[in-house]
Amino acid sequence: MYSISLFEIGSSSCPILPIVNFSIEQIARVCETLEENGDIQRLGRFLWSLQVSPTSSNILIEHESILRARALIAFHLGNYQEVYHLLENYKYTRNHHTKLQTMWMEAHYQEAEKLRGRPLGPVDKYRVRKKYPLPRTIWDGEEKSHCFKERTRSLLRKSYLEDPYPNPIKKRQLAQITELTATQVANWFKNRRQRDRAAKAKNRQLFSLPNHSYSPSLSTQTSTT
């Protein structure tokens, strides 16, 4: 169960949507809209209102959109065991697999980073992926490259070349196109910027080394003239 304090239930700036007369399809559409807009706080508050409603005891497990919303909120709260439970025990449609696969692996990466007390390198992430394979509920057997399809990686790389610091609107647009969450898109850009900065720093270090390697040729050239 989500803590009331996490979503500031008493705040008048973000009222809970009334759900008494909502059908399950309407509730699912609300979850989808809030997820697409990246409005995590309102989505969390809305799910909390479903939990405390006496008329919606089974709604939380009756529709895929609601299950996805629950997984997303659990991910943002760092409740990774809940994420794993939701992704492993309910089957999801194929068009949402990419987003949920990325959520699965990011949750495992973040858990591993917390345990080790440091960021994971490529080898670390590979070992995590081998240790925690994708459940068949969010995977149809198609092989992935680091859980991102090549089309997704290509779109992100192209967008990065155009603007390495996309604004929130652009991140949401990319998330919709790539079937990732806005957070996953933001993490990809952050990691790519870090790799580029590290590469540039390495290049600067190489070019700043003393140019002593050319001394023999220069002295030889001088002695022959």
Protein backbone atom coordinates (compact mmCIF):
# COMPACT_ATOMS: atom_id res chain seq x y z
CA MET A 1 0.00 0.00 0.00
CA TYR A 2 1.18 3.51 -0.78
CA SER A 3 1.79 5.94 2.05
CA ILE A 4 -0.56 8.91 2.19
CA SER A 5 2.32 11.27 2.91
CA LEU A 6 4.11 10.31 -0.30
CA PHE A 7 1.42 11.92 -2.40
CA GLU A 8 0.42 14.75 -0.02
CA ILE A 9 -3.22 13.76 0.03
CA GLY A 10 -4.17 16.84 2.00
CA SER A 11 -2.78 19.23 -0.60
CA SER A 12 -5.46 21.31 -2.35
CA SER A 13 -3.09 21.98 -5.25
CA CYS A 14 -3.46 18.40 -6.50
CA PRO A 15 -6.98 17.12 -5.68
CA ILE A 16 -7.87 13.45 -5.96
CA LEU A 17 -10.09 12.67 -8.91
CA PRO A 18 -13.54 11.37 -7.90
CA ILE A 19 -13.95 7.73 -8.89
CA VAL A 20 -17.36 6.75 -7.51
CA ASN A 21 -19.06 6.76 -10.91
CA PHE A 22 -16.06 5.74 -13.02
CA SER A 23 -16.18 2.54 -15.04
CA ILE A 24 -13.03 0.42 -15.17
CA GLU A 25 -12.42 1.62 -18.74
CA GLN A 26 -12.63 5.25 -17.64
CA ILE A 27 -10.24 4.58 -14.77
CA ALA A 28 -7.84 2.89 -17.19
CA ARG A 29 -7.99 5.91 -19.53
CA VAL A 30 -7.19 8.26 -16.64
CA CYS A 31 -4.15 6.12 -15.80
CA GLU A 32 -3.04 6.10 -19.45
CA THR A 33 -3.42 9.87 -19.79
CA LEU A 34 -1.50 10.65 -16.60
CA GLU A 35 1.23 8.18 -17.57
CA GLU A 36 1.59 9.66 -21.07
CA ASN A 37 1.76 13.18 -19.63
CA GLY A 38 4.43 12.14 -17.15
CA ASP A 39 2.27 13.36 -14.25
CA ILE A 40 3.61 10.88 -11.72
CA GLN A 41 2.33 12.68 -8.62
CA ARG A 42 -1.29 12.80 -9.78
CA LEU A 43 -1.08 9.23 -11.04
CA GLY A 44 0.15 8.09 -7.63
CA ARG A 45 -2.60 10.00 -5.85
CA PHE A 46 -5.21 8.58 -8.20
CA LEU A 47 -4.03 5.01 -7.55
CA TRP A 48 -4.08 5.69 -3.81
CA SER A 49 -7.70 6.86 -4.11
CA LEU A 50 -8.53 3.56 -5.80
CA GLN A 51 -6.99 1.63 -2.93
CA VAL A 52 -9.04 3.42 -0.27
CA SER A 53 -12.30 3.28 -2.23
CA PRO A 54 -14.70 0.61 -0.88
CA THR A 55 -16.15 0.07 -4.37
CA SER A 56 -12.90 -0.67 -6.21
CA SER A 57 -11.35 -3.63 -4.40
CA ASN A 58 -10.64 -5.60 -7.60
CA ILE A 59 -10.02 -2.73 -10.02
CA LEU A 60 -6.27 -2.64 -9.33
CA ILE A 61 -5.77 -6.06 -10.96
CA GLU A 62 -8.49 -6.03 -13.62
CA HIS A 63 -6.97 -3.85 -16.34
CA GLU A 64 -3.51 -3.77 -17.89
CA SER A 65 -3.31 0.04 -17.92
CA ILE A 66 -3.90 0.11 -14.18
CA LEU A 67 -1.29 -2.60 -13.59
CA ARG A 68 1.23 -0.66 -15.69
CA ALA A 69 0.46 2.51 -13.74
CA ARG A 70 1.00 0.65 -10.46
CA ALA A 71 4.36 -0.65 -11.71
CA LEU A 72 5.41 2.84 -12.79
CA ILE A 73 4.55 4.36 -9.41
CA ALA A 74 6.33 1.53 -7.59
CA PHE A 75 9.39 2.15 -9.78
CA HIS A 76 9.44 5.87 -8.94
CA LEU A 77 9.06 5.08 -5.23
CA GLY A 78 11.98 2.66 -5.39
CA ASN A 79 9.66 -0.21 -4.42
CA TYR A 80 11.39 -2.64 -6.77
CA GLN A 81 9.94 -5.82 -5.26
CA GLU A 82 6.48 -4.52 -6.14
CA VAL A 83 7.71 -3.75 -9.67
CA TYR A 84 8.98 -7.30 -10.10
CA HIS A 85 5.78 -8.79 -8.68
CA LEU A 86 3.57 -6.79 -11.04
CA LEU A 87 5.68 -7.50 -14.12
CA GLU A 88 6.16 -11.21 -13.41
CA ASN A 89 2.61 -12.14 -12.44
CA TYR A 90 0.48 -10.43 -15.07
CA LYS A 91 0.73 -10.74 -18.84
CA TYR A 92 1.07 -7.53 -20.88
CA THR A 93 0.36 -6.77 -24.52
CA ARG A 94 3.29 -6.70 -26.90
CA ASN A 95 3.15 -2.99 -27.75
CA HIS A 96 4.07 -2.19 -24.13
CA HIS A 97 6.87 -4.76 -23.82
CA THR A 98 9.75 -2.39 -24.60
CA LYS A 99 8.78 0.10 -21.91
CA LEU A 100 8.21 -2.60 -19.30
CA GLN A 101 11.42 -4.43 -20.19
CA THR A 102 13.39 -1.25 -19.66
CA MET A 103 11.62 -0.68 -16.35
CA TRP A 104 12.49 -4.24 -15.27
CA MET A 105 16.18 -3.84 -16.03
CA GLU A 106 16.46 -0.27 -14.68
CA ALA A 107 14.97 -1.47 -11.39
CA HIS A 108 17.56 -4.25 -11.17
CA TYR A 109 20.37 -1.85 -12.15
CA GLN A 110 19.38 0.64 -9.47
CA GLU A 111 19.11 -2.09 -6.84
CA ALA A 112 22.58 -3.35 -7.77
CA GLU A 113 24.03 0.19 -7.66
CA LYS A 114 22.56 0.74 -4.21
CA LEU A 115 24.06 -2.52 -2.94
CA ARG A 116 27.49 -1.83 -4.44
CA GLY A 117 27.55 1.86 -3.63
CA ARG A 118 28.74 2.86 -7.09
CA PRO A 119 27.47 3.26 -10.67
CA LEU A 120 27.40 0.10 -12.78
CA GLY A 121 29.72 -0.28 -15.74
CA PRO A 122 28.84 -2.13 -18.96
CA VAL A 123 30.18 -5.44 -17.62
CA ASP A 124 28.22 -5.01 -14.38
CA LYS A 125 25.03 -4.37 -16.32
CA TYR A 126 25.64 -7.39 -18.52
CA ARG A 127 25.95 -9.57 -15.42
CA VAL A 128 22.75 -8.12 -13.98
CA ARG A 129 20.89 -8.86 -17.22
CA LYS A 130 22.17 -12.44 -17.21
CA LYS A 131 21.18 -12.89 -13.57
CA TYR A 132 17.70 -11.42 -14.00
CA PRO A 133 16.35 -12.41 -17.44
CA LEU A 134 13.16 -10.86 -18.71
CA PRO A 135 9.98 -12.65 -17.62
CA ARG A 136 7.85 -14.04 -20.44
CA THR A 137 4.98 -11.81 -19.33
CA ILE A 138 6.81 -8.85 -20.91
CA TRP A 139 8.92 -10.65 -23.50
CA ASP A 140 7.98 -12.60 -26.63
CA GLY A 141 11.37 -14.25 -27.06
CA GLU A 142 12.84 -11.58 -29.34
CA GLU A 143 16.49 -10.90 -28.58
CA LYS A 144 17.27 -7.38 -27.41
CA SER A 145 20.38 -5.23 -27.45
CA HIS A 146 20.67 -4.02 -23.84
CA CYS A 147 16.84 -4.22 -23.72
CA PHE A 148 16.55 -1.45 -26.34
CA LYS A 149 15.57 -2.33 -29.88
CA GLU A 150 17.91 -0.97 -32.53
CA ARG A 151 15.14 1.31 -33.83
CA THR A 152 14.77 2.82 -30.34
CA ARG A 153 18.52 3.31 -29.96
CA SER A 154 18.71 4.89 -33.41
CA LEU A 155 15.92 7.36 -32.63
CA LEU A 156 17.55 8.33 -29.34
CA ARG A 157 20.97 8.78 -30.94
CA LYS A 158 19.50 10.94 -33.71
CA SER A 159 17.67 13.11 -31.20
CA TYR A 160 20.82 13.38 -29.06
CA LEU A 161 22.81 14.72 -32.02
CA GLU A 162 20.14 17.38 -32.54
CA ASP A 163 19.90 18.32 -28.86
CA PRO A 164 21.73 16.55 -26.00
CA TYR A 165 19.62 18.46 -23.44
CA PRO A 166 15.97 17.89 -24.44
CA ASN A 167 13.28 19.72 -22.50
CA PRO A 168 10.47 17.83 -20.69
CA ILE A 169 8.10 18.15 -23.65
CA LYS A 170 10.67 16.64 -26.01
CA LYS A 171 11.37 13.83 -23.53
CA ARG A 172 7.67 12.96 -23.37
CA GLN A 173 7.47 12.98 -27.17
CA LEU A 174 10.47 10.65 -27.41
CA ALA A 175 9.00 8.42 -24.72
CA GLN A 176 5.79 8.07 -26.71
CA ILE A 177 7.64 7.32 -29.96
CA THR A 178 10.05 4.80 -28.41
CA GLU A 179 7.52 3.26 -25.98
CA LEU A 180 9.76 4.15 -23.04
CA THR A 181 8.92 6.27 -20.02
CA ALA A 182 10.06 9.88 -19.84
CA THR A 183 12.33 8.86 -16.95
CA GLN A 184 13.95 6.15 -19.05
CA VAL A 185 14.53 8.63 -21.88
CA ALA A 186 16.03 11.13 -19.43
CA ASN A 187 18.33 8.44 -18.02
CA TRP A 188 19.50 7.48 -21.52
CA PHE A 189 20.41 11.09 -22.32
CA LYS A 190 22.14 11.53 -18.95
CA ASN A 191 24.21 8.38 -19.45
CA ARG A 192 25.09 9.36 -23.02
CA ARG A 193 26.25 12.82 -21.90
CA GLN A 194 28.40 11.23 -19.19
CA ARG A 195 30.02 8.88 -21.71
CA ASP A 196 30.71 11.75 -24.10
CA ARG A 197 32.24 13.89 -21.34
CA ALA A 198 34.46 10.99 -20.27
CA ALA A 199 35.59 10.46 -23.87
CA LYS A 200 36.36 14.17 -24.33
CA ALA A 201 38.33 14.26 -21.08
CA LYS A 202 40.36 11.27 -22.21
CA ASN A 203 41.10 12.92 -25.56
CA ARG A 204 42.18 16.15 -23.86
CA GLN A 205 44.50 14.16 -21.64
CA LEU A 206 46.07 12.44 -24.63
CA PHE A 207 46.60 15.67 -26.53
CA SER A 208 48.08 17.40 -23.48
CA LEU A 209 50.88 14.82 -23.14
CA PRO A 210 54.41 16.09 -23.92
CA ASN A 211 55.21 15.74 -27.59
CA HIS A 212 58.48 13.96 -26.82
CA SER A 213 57.70 11.16 -29.24
CA TYR A 214 58.65 13.42 -32.10
CA SER A 215 62.04 14.44 -30.66
CA PRO A 216 64.11 11.69 -32.34
CA SER A 217 62.78 12.49 -35.78
CA LEU A 218 63.29 16.19 -35.23
CA SER A 219 66.89 15.70 -34.06
CA THR A 220 67.60 13.42 -36.98
CA GLN A 221 66.15 15.94 -39.38
CA THR A 222 68.28 18.68 -37.83
CA SER A 223 71.49 16.67 -38.06
CA THR A 224 70.99 15.91 -41.74
CA THR A 225 70.45 19.50 -42.82
